[in-house]
PDB file of N, CA and C in Angstrom:
ATOM      1  N   MET A   1       0.848  -1.189   0.000  1.00  0.00           N
ATOM      2  CA  MET A   1       0.000   0.000   0.000  1.00  0.00           C
ATOM      3  C   MET A   1       0.889   1.247   0.000  1.00  0.00           C
ATOM      4  N   GLN A   2       0.561   2.181  -0.834  1.00  0.00           N
ATOM      5  CA  GLN A   2       1.346   3.406  -0.932  1.00  0.00           C
ATOM      6  C   GLN A   2       1.005   4.353   0.207  1.00  0.00           C
ATOM      7  N   SER A   3       2.027   5.073   0.631  1.00  0.00           N
ATOM      8  CA  SER A   3       1.795   6.048   1.695  1.00  0.00           C
ATOM      9  C   SER A   3       1.015   7.240   1.163  1.00  0.00           C
ATOM     10  N   THR A   4       0.353   7.931   2.067  1.00  0.00           N
ATOM     11  CA  THR A   4      -0.378   9.147   1.693  1.00  0.00           C
ATOM     12  C   THR A   4       0.585  10.173   1.098  1.00  0.00           C
ATOM     13  N   ARG A   5       1.772  10.264   1.687  1.00  0.00           N
ATOM     14  CA  ARG A   5       2.776  11.202   1.184  1.00  0.00           C
ATOM     15  C   ARG A   5       3.135  10.885  -0.266  1.00  0.00           C
ATOM     16  N   LEU A   6       3.371   9.617  -0.554  1.00  0.00           N
ATOM     17  CA  LEU A   6       3.709   9.213  -1.913  1.00  0.00           C
ATOM     18  C   LEU A   6       2.551   9.508  -2.869  1.00  0.00           C
ATOM     19  N   GLU A   7       1.356   9.216  -2.451  1.00  0.00           N
ATOM     20  CA  GLU A   7       0.191   9.491  -3.295  1.00  0.00           C
ATOM     21  C   GLU A   7       0.103  10.973  -3.649  1.00  0.00           C
ATOM     22  N   LYS A   8       0.334  11.819  -2.663  1.00  0.00           N
ATOM     23  CA  LYS A   8       0.286  13.264  -2.910  1.00  0.00           C
ATOM     24  C   LYS A   8       1.393  13.690  -3.859  1.00  0.00           C
ATOM     25  N   LEU A   9       2.586  13.156  -3.665  1.00  0.00           N
ATOM     26  CA  LEU A   9       3.698  13.497  -4.561  1.00  0.00           C
ATOM     27  C   LEU A   9       3.406  13.072  -5.995  1.00  0.00           C
ATOM     28  N   LEU A  10       2.826  11.898  -6.154  1.00  0.00           N
ATOM     29  CA  LEU A  10       2.486  11.424  -7.502  1.00  0.00           C
ATOM     30  C   LEU A  10       1.420  12.325  -8.141  1.00  0.00           C
ATOM     31  N   GLN A  11       0.479  12.811  -7.342  1.00  0.00           N
ATOM     32  CA  GLN A  11      -0.531  13.744  -7.863  1.00  0.00           C
ATOM     33  C   GLN A  11       0.123  15.054  -8.284  1.00  0.00           C
ATOM     34  N   PHE A  12       1.037  15.562  -7.465  1.00  0.00           N
ATOM     35  CA  PHE A  12       1.746  16.792  -7.818  1.00  0.00           C
ATOM     36  C   PHE A  12       2.516  16.609  -9.121  1.00  0.00           C
ATOM     37  N   LEU A  13       3.122  15.431  -9.283  1.00  0.00           N
ATOM     38  CA  LEU A  13       3.917  15.165 -10.489  1.00  0.00           C
ATOM     39  C   LEU A  13       3.044  15.172 -11.742  1.00  0.00           C
ATOM     40  N   GLU A  14       1.803  14.770 -11.613  1.00  0.00           N
ATOM     41  CA  GLU A  14       0.892  14.825 -12.766  1.00  0.00           C
ATOM     42  C   GLU A  14       0.748  16.252 -13.273  1.00  0.00           C
ATOM     43  N   ASN A  15       0.743  17.220 -12.346  1.00  0.00           N
ATOM     44  CA  ASN A  15       0.605  18.630 -12.709  1.00  0.00           C
ATOM     45  C   ASN A  15       1.928  19.256 -13.131  1.00  0.00           C
ATOM     46  N   GLU A  16       3.025  18.728 -12.631  1.00  0.00           N
ATOM     47  CA  GLU A  16       4.370  19.260 -12.916  1.00  0.00           C
ATOM     48  C   GLU A  16       5.294  18.105 -13.310  1.00  0.00           C
ATOM     49  N   PRO A  17       5.065  17.498 -14.474  1.00  0.00           N
ATOM     50  CA  PRO A  17       5.791  16.272 -14.829  1.00  0.00           C
ATOM     51  C   PRO A  17       7.298  16.432 -15.029  1.00  0.00           C
ATOM     52  N   GLN A  18       7.773  17.636 -15.141  1.00  0.00           N
ATOM     53  CA  GLN A  18       9.216  17.840 -15.315  1.00  0.00           C
ATOM     54  C   GLN A  18       9.881  18.447 -14.084  1.00  0.00           C
ATOM     55  N   ASP A  19       9.226  18.398 -12.959  1.00  0.00           N
ATOM     56  CA  ASP A  19       9.784  18.964 -11.739  1.00  0.00           C
ATOM     57  C   ASP A  19      10.783  17.984 -11.123  1.00  0.00           C
ATOM     58  N   PRO A  20      12.068  18.319 -11.123  1.00  0.00           N
ATOM     59  CA  PRO A  20      13.056  17.375 -10.605  1.00  0.00           C
ATOM     60  C   PRO A  20      12.924  17.121  -9.100  1.00  0.00           C
ATOM     61  N   PHE A  21      12.509  18.133  -8.344  1.00  0.00           N
ATOM     62  CA  PHE A  21      12.348  17.904  -6.906  1.00  0.00           C
ATOM     63  C   PHE A  21      11.276  16.856  -6.638  1.00  0.00           C
ATOM     64  N   LEU A  22      10.169  16.912  -7.357  1.00  0.00           N
ATOM     65  CA  LEU A  22       9.111  15.929  -7.162  1.00  0.00           C
ATOM     66  C   LEU A  22       9.592  14.522  -7.515  1.00  0.00           C
ATOM     67  N   LYS A  23      10.329  14.403  -8.606  1.00  0.00           N
ATOM     68  CA  LYS A  23      10.864  13.096  -8.998  1.00  0.00           C
ATOM     69  C   LYS A  23      11.812  12.566  -7.922  1.00  0.00           C
ATOM     70  N   TYR A  24      12.641  13.446  -7.400  1.00  0.00           N
ATOM     71  CA  TYR A  24      13.582  13.075  -6.347  1.00  0.00           C
ATOM     72  C   TYR A  24      12.826  12.632  -5.090  1.00  0.00           C
ATOM     73  N   ALA A  25      11.824  13.396  -4.695  1.00  0.00           N
ATOM     74  CA  ALA A  25      11.041  13.069  -3.504  1.00  0.00           C
ATOM     75  C   ALA A  25      10.324  11.730  -3.670  1.00  0.00           C
ATOM     76  N   ILE A  26       9.799  11.480  -4.851  1.00  0.00           N
ATOM     77  CA  ILE A  26       9.125  10.204  -5.118  1.00  0.00           C
ATOM     78  C   ILE A  26      10.123   9.052  -5.042  1.00  0.00           C
ATOM     79  N   ALA A  27      11.275   9.244  -5.643  1.00  0.00           N
ATOM     80  CA  ALA A  27      12.305   8.199  -5.602  1.00  0.00           C
ATOM     81  C   ALA A  27      12.686   7.868  -4.165  1.00  0.00           C
ATOM     82  N   THR A  28      12.882   8.890  -3.349  1.00  0.00           N
ATOM     83  CA  THR A  28      13.277   8.628  -1.961  1.00  0.00           C
ATOM     84  C   THR A  28      12.134   7.975  -1.170  1.00  0.00           C
ATOM     85  N   GLU A  29      10.902   8.312  -1.489  1.00  0.00           N
ATOM     86  CA  GLU A  29       9.766   7.642  -0.844  1.00  0.00           C
ATOM     87  C   GLU A  29       9.757   6.158  -1.212  1.00  0.00           C
ATOM     88  N   TYR A  30      10.034   5.844  -2.466  1.00  0.00           N
ATOM     89  CA  TYR A  30      10.077   4.440  -2.862  1.00  0.00           C
ATOM     90  C   TYR A  30      11.214   3.705  -2.153  1.00  0.00           C
ATOM     91  N   VAL A  31      12.321   4.370  -1.917  1.00  0.00           N
ATOM     92  CA  VAL A  31      13.413   3.748  -1.158  1.00  0.00           C
ATOM     93  C   VAL A  31      12.924   3.418   0.246  1.00  0.00           C
ATOM     94  N   VAL A  32      12.253   4.368   0.882  1.00  0.00           N
ATOM     95  CA  VAL A  32      11.725   4.158   2.241  1.00  0.00           C
ATOM     96  C   VAL A  32      10.746   2.987   2.255  1.00  0.00           C
ATOM     97  N   LEU A  33       9.968   2.862   1.202  1.00  0.00           N
ATOM     98  CA  LEU A  33       8.977   1.785   1.111  1.00  0.00           C
ATOM     99  C   LEU A  33       9.598   0.468   0.635  1.00  0.00           C
ATOM    100  N   ASN A  34      10.924   0.468   0.457  1.00  0.00           N
ATOM    101  CA  ASN A  34      11.666  -0.716   0.027  1.00  0.00           C
ATOM    102  C   ASN A  34      11.230  -1.198  -1.366  1.00  0.00           C
ATOM    103  N   GLU A  35      10.911  -0.246  -2.219  1.00  0.00           N
ATOM    104  CA  GLU A  35      10.554  -0.548  -3.605  1.00  0.00           C
ATOM    105  C   GLU A  35      11.678  -0.016  -4.499  1.00  0.00           C
ATOM    106  N   GLN A  36      12.806  -0.737  -4.467  1.00  0.00           N
ATOM    107  CA  GLN A  36      14.017  -0.268  -5.124  1.00  0.00           C
ATOM    108  C   GLN A  36      13.870  -0.067  -6.631  1.00  0.00           C
ATOM    109  N   GLN A  37      13.158  -0.951  -7.300  1.00  0.00           N
ATOM    110  CA  GLN A  37      13.051  -0.818  -8.756  1.00  0.00           C
ATOM    111  C   GLN A  37      12.281   0.441  -9.155  1.00  0.00           C
ATOM    112  N   LYS A  38      11.249   0.762  -8.412  1.00  0.00           N
ATOM    113  CA  LYS A  38      10.507   1.999  -8.692  1.00  0.00           C
ATOM    114  C   LYS A  38      11.380   3.216  -8.387  1.00  0.00           C
ATOM    115  N   ALA A  39      12.120   3.149  -7.289  1.00  0.00           N
ATOM    116  CA  ALA A  39      13.036   4.245  -6.952  1.00  0.00           C
ATOM    117  C   ALA A  39      14.074   4.401  -8.044  1.00  0.00           C
ATOM    118  N   LEU A  40      14.609   3.288  -8.517  1.00  0.00           N
ATOM    119  CA  LEU A  40      15.623   3.310  -9.559  1.00  0.00           C
ATOM    120  C   LEU A  40      15.114   4.008 -10.819  1.00  0.00           C
ATOM    121  N   THR A  41      13.888   3.743 -11.173  1.00  0.00           N
ATOM    122  CA  THR A  41      13.293   4.368 -12.357  1.00  0.00           C
ATOM    123  C   THR A  41      13.304   5.892 -12.240  1.00  0.00           C
ATOM    124  N   TYR A  42      12.914   6.393 -11.087  1.00  0.00           N
ATOM    125  CA  TYR A  42      12.867   7.849 -10.898  1.00  0.00           C
ATOM    126  C   TYR A  42      14.268   8.451 -10.805  1.00  0.00           C
ATOM    127  N   PHE A  43      15.171   7.798 -10.092  1.00  0.00           N
ATOM    128  CA  PHE A  43      16.536   8.321  -9.993  1.00  0.00           C
ATOM    129  C   PHE A  43      17.216   8.331 -11.371  1.00  0.00           C
ATOM    130  N   GLU A  44      17.033   7.263 -12.139  1.00  0.00           N
ATOM    131  CA  GLU A  44      17.659   7.215 -13.463  1.00  0.00           C
ATOM    132  C   GLU A  44      17.065   8.266 -14.396  1.00  0.00           C
ATOM    133  N   ASP A  45      15.773   8.523 -14.261  1.00  0.00           N
ATOM    134  CA  ASP A  45      15.149   9.598 -15.031  1.00  0.00           C
ATOM    135  C   ASP A  45      15.776  10.945 -14.679  1.00  0.00           C
ATOM    136  N   LEU A  46      16.037  11.157 -13.409  1.00  0.00           N
ATOM    137  CA  LEU A  46      16.666  12.409 -12.988  1.00  0.00           C
ATOM    138  C   LEU A  46      18.042  12.573 -13.624  1.00  0.00           C
ATOM    139  N   VAL A  47      18.842  11.518 -13.624  1.00  0.00           N
ATOM    140  CA  VAL A  47      20.182  11.589 -14.209  1.00  0.00           C
ATOM    141  C   VAL A  47      20.100  11.879 -15.703  1.00  0.00           C
ATOM    142  N   LEU A  48      19.125  11.279 -16.367  1.00  0.00           N
ATOM    143  CA  LEU A  48      18.994  11.476 -17.818  1.00  0.00           C
ATOM    144  C   LEU A  48      18.413  12.841 -18.179  1.00  0.00           C
ATOM    145  N   ASN A  49      17.426  13.280 -17.427  1.00  0.00           N
ATOM    146  CA  ASN A  49      16.680  14.485 -17.815  1.00  0.00           C
ATOM    147  C   ASN A  49      16.943  15.717 -16.964  1.00  0.00           C
ATOM    148  N   HIS A  50      17.615  15.532 -15.846  1.00  0.00           N
ATOM    149  CA  HIS A  50      17.914  16.645 -14.935  1.00  0.00           C
ATOM    150  C   HIS A  50      19.301  16.409 -14.349  1.00  0.00           C
ATOM    151  N   ALA A  51      20.276  16.301 -15.223  1.00  0.00           N
ATOM    152  CA  ALA A  51      21.631  15.901 -14.830  1.00  0.00           C
ATOM    153  C   ALA A  51      22.245  16.833 -13.797  1.00  0.00           C
ATOM    154  N   ASP A  52      21.780  18.063 -13.718  1.00  0.00           N
ATOM    155  CA  ASP A  52      22.364  19.009 -12.759  1.00  0.00           C
ATOM    156  C   ASP A  52      21.715  18.939 -11.374  1.00  0.00           C
ATOM    157  N   TYR A  53      20.785  18.037 -11.171  1.00  0.00           N
ATOM    158  CA  TYR A  53      20.150  17.878  -9.858  1.00  0.00           C
ATOM    159  C   TYR A  53      21.083  17.023  -9.001  1.00  0.00           C
ATOM    160  N   VAL A  54      21.980  17.685  -8.335  1.00  0.00           N
ATOM    161  CA  VAL A  54      23.136  17.046  -7.705  1.00  0.00           C
ATOM    162  C   VAL A  54      22.771  16.045  -6.605  1.00  0.00           C
ATOM    163  N   GLY A  55      21.665  16.247  -5.924  1.00  0.00           N
ATOM    164  CA  GLY A  55      21.277  15.331  -4.852  1.00  0.00           C
ATOM    165  C   GLY A  55      21.009  13.912  -5.315  1.00  0.00           C
ATOM    166  N   THR A  56      20.717  13.753  -6.566  1.00  0.00           N
ATOM    167  CA  THR A  56      20.403  12.445  -7.124  1.00  0.00           C
ATOM    168  C   THR A  56      21.558  11.466  -7.003  1.00  0.00           C
ATOM    169  N   TYR A  57      22.750  11.938  -7.248  1.00  0.00           N
ATOM    170  CA  TYR A  57      23.892  11.038  -7.440  1.00  0.00           C
ATOM    171  C   TYR A  57      24.247  10.252  -6.189  1.00  0.00           C
ATOM    172  N   TYR A  58      24.200  10.872  -5.055  1.00  0.00           N
ATOM    173  CA  TYR A  58      24.499  10.168  -3.810  1.00  0.00           C
ATOM    174  C   TYR A  58      23.497   9.028  -3.600  1.00  0.00           C
ATOM    175  N   HIS A  59      22.216   9.350  -3.699  1.00  0.00           N
ATOM    176  CA  HIS A  59      21.175   8.367  -3.416  1.00  0.00           C
ATOM    177  C   HIS A  59      21.083   7.284  -4.484  1.00  0.00           C
ATOM    178  N   LEU A  60      21.283   7.649  -5.729  1.00  0.00           N
ATOM    179  CA  LEU A  60      21.292   6.637  -6.784  1.00  0.00           C
ATOM    180  C   LEU A  60      22.481   5.703  -6.602  1.00  0.00           C
ATOM    181  N   GLY A  61      23.638   6.252  -6.285  1.00  0.00           N
ATOM    182  CA  GLY A  61      24.802   5.414  -6.036  1.00  0.00           C
ATOM    183  C   GLY A  61      24.566   4.446  -4.889  1.00  0.00           C
ATOM    184  N   LYS A  62      23.990   4.937  -3.797  1.00  0.00           N
ATOM    185  CA  LYS A  62      23.677   4.075  -2.657  1.00  0.00           C
ATOM    186  C   LYS A  62      22.692   2.975  -3.050  1.00  0.00           C
ATOM    187  N   LEU A  63      21.720   3.332  -3.887  1.00  0.00           N
ATOM    188  CA  LEU A  63      20.752   2.337  -4.337  1.00  0.00           C
ATOM    189  C   LEU A  63      21.445   1.273  -5.184  1.00  0.00           C
ATOM    190  N   TYR A  64      22.341   1.694  -6.066  1.00  0.00           N
ATOM    191  CA  TYR A  64      23.103   0.717  -6.843  1.00  0.00           C
ATOM    192  C   TYR A  64      23.917  -0.200  -5.927  1.00  0.00           C
ATOM    193  N   GLU A  65      24.470   0.357  -4.861  1.00  0.00           N
ATOM    194  CA  GLU A  65      25.202  -0.483  -3.915  1.00  0.00           C
ATOM    195  C   GLU A  65      24.271  -1.514  -3.275  1.00  0.00           C
ATOM    196  N   GLN A  66      23.065  -1.094  -2.883  1.00  0.00           N
ATOM    197  CA  GLN A  66      22.091  -2.027  -2.305  1.00  0.00           C
ATOM    198  C   GLN A  66      21.720  -3.122  -3.301  1.00  0.00           C
ATOM    199  N   LEU A  67      21.654  -2.744  -4.567  1.00  0.00           N
ATOM    200  CA  LEU A  67      21.287  -3.693  -5.619  1.00  0.00           C
ATOM    201  C   LEU A  67      22.487  -4.515  -6.099  1.00  0.00           C
ATOM    202  N   GLU A  68      23.615  -4.361  -5.391  1.00  0.00           N
ATOM    203  CA  GLU A  68      24.843  -5.084  -5.694  1.00  0.00           C
ATOM    204  C   GLU A  68      25.317  -4.824  -7.125  1.00  0.00           C
ATOM    205  N   GLN A  69      25.324  -3.530  -7.482  1.00  0.00           N
ATOM    206  CA  GLN A  69      25.836  -3.074  -8.771  1.00  0.00           C
ATOM    207  C   GLN A  69      26.950  -2.056  -8.509  1.00  0.00           C
ATOM    208  N   PRO A  70      28.098  -2.541  -8.002  1.00  0.00           N
ATOM    209  CA  PRO A  70      29.159  -1.619  -7.597  1.00  0.00           C
ATOM    210  C   PRO A  70      29.725  -0.776  -8.743  1.00  0.00           C
ATOM    211  N   ALA A  71      29.803  -1.310  -9.929  1.00  0.00           N
ATOM    212  CA  ALA A  71      30.327  -0.520 -11.052  1.00  0.00           C
ATOM    213  C   ALA A  71      29.407   0.654 -11.358  1.00  0.00           C
ATOM    214  N   ASN A  72      28.099   0.423 -11.320  1.00  0.00           N
ATOM    215  CA  ASN A  72      27.145   1.514 -11.548  1.00  0.00           C
ATOM    216  C   ASN A  72      27.207   2.532 -10.426  1.00  0.00           C
ATOM    217  N   ALA A  73      27.414   2.060  -9.197  1.00  0.00           N
ATOM    218  CA  ALA A  73      27.523   2.979  -8.061  1.00  0.00           C
ATOM    219  C   ALA A  73      28.731   3.892  -8.234  1.00  0.00           C
ATOM    220  N   LEU A  74      29.883   3.318  -8.550  1.00  0.00           N
ATOM    221  CA  LEU A  74      31.094   4.123  -8.725  1.00  0.00           C
ATOM    222  C   LEU A  74      30.940   5.127  -9.858  1.00  0.00           C
ATOM    223  N   LYS A  75      30.373   4.680 -10.965  1.00  0.00           N
ATOM    224  CA  LYS A  75      30.154   5.569 -12.111  1.00  0.00           C
ATOM    225  C   LYS A  75      29.228   6.721 -11.719  1.00  0.00           C
ATOM    226  N   THR A  76      28.194   6.416 -10.975  1.00  0.00           N
ATOM    227  CA  THR A  76      27.234   7.431 -10.537  1.00  0.00           C
ATOM    228  C   THR A  76      27.897   8.440  -9.613  1.00  0.00           C
ATOM    229  N   TYR A  77      28.689   7.956  -8.668  1.00  0.00           N
ATOM    230  CA  TYR A  77      29.396   8.870  -7.771  1.00  0.00           C
ATOM    231  C   TYR A  77      30.342   9.775  -8.565  1.00  0.00           C
ATOM    232  N   GLN A  78      31.035   9.206  -9.540  1.00  0.00           N
ATOM    233  CA  GLN A  78      31.949  10.006 -10.362  1.00  0.00           C
ATOM    234  C   GLN A  78      31.196  11.090 -11.127  1.00  0.00           C
ATOM    235  N   GLN A  79      30.051  10.726 -11.701  1.00  0.00           N
ATOM    236  CA  GLN A  79      29.235  11.718 -12.411  1.00  0.00           C
ATOM    237  C   GLN A  79      28.788  12.815 -11.451  1.00  0.00           C
ATOM    238  N   GLY A  80      28.383  12.428 -10.267  1.00  0.00           N
ATOM    239  CA  GLY A  80      27.944  13.395  -9.271  1.00  0.00           C
ATOM    240  C   GLY A  80      29.056  14.340  -8.857  1.00  0.00           C
ATOM    241  N   ILE A  81      30.265  13.825  -8.750  1.00  0.00           N
ATOM    242  CA  ILE A  81      31.414  14.662  -8.402  1.00  0.00           C
ATOM    243  C   ILE A  81      31.622  15.733  -9.463  1.00  0.00           C
ATOM    244  N   VAL A  82      31.496  15.355 -10.718  1.00  0.00           N
ATOM    245  CA  VAL A  82      31.642  16.315 -11.820  1.00  0.00           C
ATOM    246  C   VAL A  82      30.557  17.395 -11.728  1.00  0.00           C
ATOM    247  N   VAL A  83      29.328  16.974 -11.482  1.00  0.00           N
ATOM    248  CA  VAL A  83      28.208  17.921 -11.382  1.00  0.00           C
ATOM    249  C   VAL A  83      28.386  18.840 -10.177  1.00  0.00           C
ATOM    250  N   ALA A  84      28.755  18.276  -9.043  1.00  0.00           N
ATOM    251  CA  ALA A  84      28.934  19.085  -7.830  1.00  0.00           C
ATOM    252  C   ALA A  84      30.042  20.120  -8.024  1.00  0.00           C
ATOM    253  N   ARG A  85      31.126  19.714  -8.680  1.00  0.00           N
ATOM    254  CA  ARG A  85      32.199  20.683  -8.956  1.00  0.00           C
ATOM    255  C   ARG A  85      31.704  21.802  -9.852  1.00  0.00           C
ATOM    256  N   ALA A  86      30.975  21.448 -10.900  1.00  0.00           N
ATOM    257  CA  ALA A  86      30.470  22.452 -11.842  1.00  0.00           C
ATOM    258  C   ALA A  86      29.516  23.425 -11.147  1.00  0.00           C
ATOM    259  N   LYS A  87      28.742  22.919 -10.202  1.00  0.00           N
ATOM    260  CA  LYS A  87      27.789  23.768  -9.486  1.00  0.00           C
ATOM    261  C   LYS A  87      28.414  24.462  -8.279  1.00  0.00           C
ATOM    262  N   LYS A  88      29.687  24.143  -8.025  1.00  0.00           N
ATOM    263  CA  LYS A  88      30.399  24.692  -6.869  1.00  0.00           C
ATOM    264  C   LYS A  88      29.674  24.373  -5.561  1.00  0.00           C
ATOM    265  N   ASP A  89      29.131  23.169  -5.480  1.00  0.00           N
ATOM    266  CA  ASP A  89      28.417  22.695  -4.300  1.00  0.00           C
ATOM    267  C   ASP A  89      29.408  21.876  -3.467  1.00  0.00           C
ATOM    268  N   ARG A  90      30.086  22.549  -2.570  1.00  0.00           N
ATOM    269  CA  ARG A  90      31.150  21.910  -1.795  1.00  0.00           C
ATOM    270  C   ARG A  90      30.636  20.808  -0.871  1.00  0.00           C
ATOM    271  N   HIS A  91      29.464  21.021  -0.310  1.00  0.00           N
ATOM    272  CA  HIS A  91      28.906  20.011   0.590  1.00  0.00           C
ATOM    273  C   HIS A  91      28.641  18.709  -0.170  1.00  0.00           C
ATOM    274  N   ALA A  92      27.941  18.807  -1.295  1.00  0.00           N
ATOM    275  CA  ALA A  92      27.658  17.616  -2.098  1.00  0.00           C
ATOM    276  C   ALA A  92      28.944  16.989  -2.603  1.00  0.00           C
ATOM    277  N   LEU A  93      29.891  17.822  -3.021  1.00  0.00           N
ATOM    278  CA  LEU A  93      31.170  17.315  -3.511  1.00  0.00           C
ATOM    279  C   LEU A  93      31.868  16.503  -2.425  1.00  0.00           C
ATOM    280  N   SER A  94      31.909  17.027  -1.221  1.00  0.00           N
ATOM    281  CA  SER A  94      32.548  16.331  -0.117  1.00  0.00           C
ATOM    282  C   SER A  94      31.873  14.987   0.163  1.00  0.00           C
ATOM    283  N   GLU A  95      30.541  14.992   0.194  1.00  0.00           N
ATOM    284  CA  GLU A  95      29.804  13.750   0.445  1.00  0.00           C
ATOM    285  C   GLU A  95      30.043  12.729  -0.659  1.00  0.00           C
ATOM    286  N   LEU A  96      30.021  13.192  -1.898  1.00  0.00           N
ATOM    287  CA  LEU A  96      30.214  12.281  -3.028  1.00  0.00           C
ATOM    288  C   LEU A  96      31.634  11.724  -3.060  1.00  0.00           C
ATOM    289  N   GLN A  97      32.606  12.548  -2.758  1.00  0.00           N
ATOM    290  CA  GLN A  97      33.982  12.054  -2.726  1.00  0.00           C
ATOM    291  C   GLN A  97      34.152  11.012  -1.626  1.00  0.00           C
ATOM    292  N   ALA A  98      33.564  11.261  -0.473  1.00  0.00           N
ATOM    293  CA  ALA A  98      33.675  10.322   0.644  1.00  0.00           C
ATOM    294  C   ALA A  98      33.016   8.983   0.318  1.00  0.00           C
ATOM    295  N   VAL A  99      31.822   9.031  -0.249  1.00  0.00           N
ATOM    296  CA  VAL A  99      31.114   7.790  -0.555  1.00  0.00           C
ATOM    297  C   VAL A  99      31.793   7.059  -1.720  1.00  0.00           C
ATOM    298  N   TYR A 100      32.340   7.812  -2.670  1.00  0.00           N
ATOM    299  CA  TYR A 100      33.097   7.180  -3.759  1.00  0.00           C
ATOM    300  C   TYR A 100      34.314   6.459  -3.192  1.00  0.00           C
ATOM    301  N   ASN A 101      35.062   7.154  -2.335  1.00  0.00           N
ATOM    302  CA  ASN A 101      36.256   6.556  -1.746  1.00  0.00           C
ATOM    303  C   ASN A 101      35.906   5.282  -0.974  1.00  0.00           C
ATOM    304  N   SER A 102      34.823   5.330  -0.225  1.00  0.00           N
ATOM    305  CA  SER A 102      34.394   4.159   0.535  1.00  0.00           C
ATOM    306  C   SER A 102      34.023   3.009  -0.394  1.00  0.00           C
ATOM    307  N   ALA A 103      33.224   3.304  -1.422  1.00  0.00           N
ATOM    308  CA  ALA A 103      32.787   2.261  -2.358  1.00  0.00           C
ATOM    309  C   ALA A 103      33.957   1.681  -3.151  1.00  0.00           C
ATOM    310  N   ALA A 104      34.965   2.513  -3.404  1.00  0.00           N
ATOM    311  CA  ALA A 104      36.116   2.061  -4.170  1.00  0.00           C
ATOM    312  C   ALA A 104      37.188   1.435  -3.274  1.00  0.00           C
ATOM    313  N   GLY A 105      36.937   1.411  -1.963  1.00  0.00           N
ATOM    314  CA  GLY A 105      37.916   0.851  -1.032  1.00  0.00           C
ATOM    315  C   GLY A 105      39.085   1.761  -0.780  1.00  0.00           C
ATOM    316  N   LEU A 106      38.886   3.052  -0.955  1.00  0.00           N
ATOM    317  CA  LEU A 106      39.968   4.022  -0.792  1.00  0.00           C
ATOM    318  C   LEU A 106      39.886   4.790   0.507  1.00  0.00           C
ATOM    319  N   ASP A 107      38.976   4.413   1.377  1.00  0.00           N
ATOM    320  CA  ASP A 107      38.842   5.142   2.643  1.00  0.00           C
ATOM    321  C   ASP A 107      39.852   4.589   3.645  1.00  0.00           C
ATOM    322  N   TYR A 108      40.857   5.363   3.904  1.00  0.00           N
ATOM    323  CA  TYR A 108      41.947   4.960   4.784  1.00  0.00           C
ATOM    324  C   TYR A 108      41.741   5.570   6.154  1.00  0.00           C
ATOM    325  N   GLU A 109      41.201   4.788   7.050  1.00  0.00           N
ATOM    326  CA  GLU A 109      41.012   5.269   8.414  1.00  0.00           C
ATOM    327  C   GLU A 109      42.027   4.573   9.300  1.00  0.00           C
ATOM    328  N   ASP A 110      42.537   5.307  10.252  1.00  0.00           N
ATOM    329  CA  ASP A 110      43.453   4.712  11.223  1.00  0.00           C
ATOM    330  C   ASP A 110      42.646   3.840  12.182  1.00  0.00           C
ATOM    331  N   ASP A 111      43.164   2.670  12.457  1.00  0.00           N
ATOM    332  CA  ASP A 111      42.475   1.786  13.407  1.00  0.00           C
ATOM    333  C   ASP A 111      42.870   2.108  14.819  1.00  0.00           C
TER     334      ASP A 111
END
């Protein structure tokens, strides 16, 4: 059963079908509902049609990791790093670099 929040977001999307925030919000709701394939559809749409929506890359990469697609996760993080740099979004850049390093096994922490 879909949540009321998700239902409302889907209704909003009918009126604003190209709104990247709505697509992002729907994707994250599907993640919460453990419906990864539906979330994947919305996140991949964002990358294809709203490539500058920087928040997508972290969450899509994490979803690829959950789906055991490490190559897609790394590629997604790399794309996000490029977008974050272009947008001068230091916070997103830092998060994407950290998650990329972790996924690639490059996170060197002292024990």
